[in-house]
Protein backbone atom coordinates (compact mmCIF):
# COMPACT_ATOMS: atom_id res chain seq x y z
CA MET A 1 22.76 0.39 1.19
CA SER A 2 23.38 -3.03 -0.22
CA ASP A 3 22.64 -3.99 -3.82
CA GLY A 4 19.56 -6.04 -2.89
CA GLU A 5 18.04 -3.59 -0.43
CA THR A 6 14.41 -2.73 -1.03
CA ILE A 7 12.31 0.34 -0.34
CA GLN A 8 10.25 0.34 2.87
CA LEU A 9 6.91 2.16 2.81
CA LYS A 10 4.87 3.47 5.73
CA VAL A 11 1.27 2.78 4.76
CA ASP A 12 -2.07 3.50 6.36
CA LEU A 13 -5.75 2.83 5.87
CA SER A 14 -8.74 4.37 7.62
CA ILE A 15 -12.49 4.31 7.16
CA GLY A 16 -13.29 7.62 8.81
CA LEU A 17 -14.26 6.26 12.23
CA ALA A 18 -12.45 6.87 15.51
CA ASN A 19 -9.81 4.19 16.11
CA ALA A 20 -10.51 2.66 12.69
CA LYS A 21 -7.02 3.11 11.29
CA GLN A 22 -4.31 0.62 10.38
CA GLU A 23 -0.67 1.64 9.92
CA ASP A 24 2.30 -0.53 8.97
CA VAL A 25 5.79 -0.26 7.59
CA ILE A 26 6.07 -2.77 4.77
CA ASP A 27 8.70 -3.98 2.36
CA SER A 28 7.67 -2.79 -1.09
CA GLY A 29 9.74 -5.42 -2.88
CA ILE A 30 11.12 -2.62 -5.08
CA LEU A 31 14.89 -2.56 -5.24
CA LYS A 32 16.46 0.73 -4.19
CA ALA A 33 18.37 0.89 -7.48
CA ASP A 34 15.12 0.51 -9.42
CA TRP A 35 13.39 3.13 -7.22
CA ASP A 36 16.24 5.58 -7.78
CA ALA A 37 15.89 5.12 -11.55
CA MET A 38 12.13 5.84 -11.53
CA THR A 39 10.52 9.17 -12.26
CA ALA A 40 8.34 10.69 -9.54
CA GLU A 41 5.28 9.57 -11.50
CA LYS A 42 6.50 5.96 -11.73
CA ARG A 43 7.36 5.98 -8.01
CA ASP A 44 3.84 7.14 -7.18
CA GLU A 45 2.34 4.45 -9.42
CA ALA A 46 4.54 1.70 -7.95
CA ALA A 47 3.87 2.78 -4.35
CA ARG A 48 0.12 2.97 -5.02
CA GLU A 49 0.14 -0.60 -6.39
CA VAL A 50 2.00 -1.83 -3.29
CA TRP A 51 -0.42 0.08 -1.02
CA GLU A 52 -3.48 -1.34 -2.81
CA GLU A 53 -2.21 -4.90 -2.45
CA TRP A 54 -1.54 -4.30 1.26
CA ALA A 55 -4.91 -2.58 1.84
CA TRP A 56 -6.91 -5.44 0.33
CA GLU A 57 -5.55 -7.68 3.08
CA TYR A 58 -7.56 -5.57 5.56
CA ILE A 59 -10.72 -4.89 3.57
CA GLU A 60 -13.63 -7.24 3.88
CA GLY A 61 -17.24 -6.60 3.13
CA GLY A 62 -20.21 -7.62 1.12
CA TRP A 63 -23.75 -6.83 0.19
CA ASP A 64 -27.22 -8.31 0.07
CA VAL A 65 -30.19 -7.37 -2.09
CA VAL A 66 -32.91 -5.81 0.06
CA GLU A 67 -36.39 -6.68 -1.09
CA GLU A 68 -38.88 -3.85 -0.83
């Protein structure tokens, strides 16, 4: 691997409905050298942050107040 190579993550998001799932392979932006230096806990934290940023690109919703 080259010095500037980054970690690729396979990510997914579903809402519990049939065919309501999105999967992608994304560039985490985390250098392999930095990833290799991380503890398992730090890797999990970094990957979760990348996943959350990716997931918010697919999530849209809202709410309205319902008068009784």
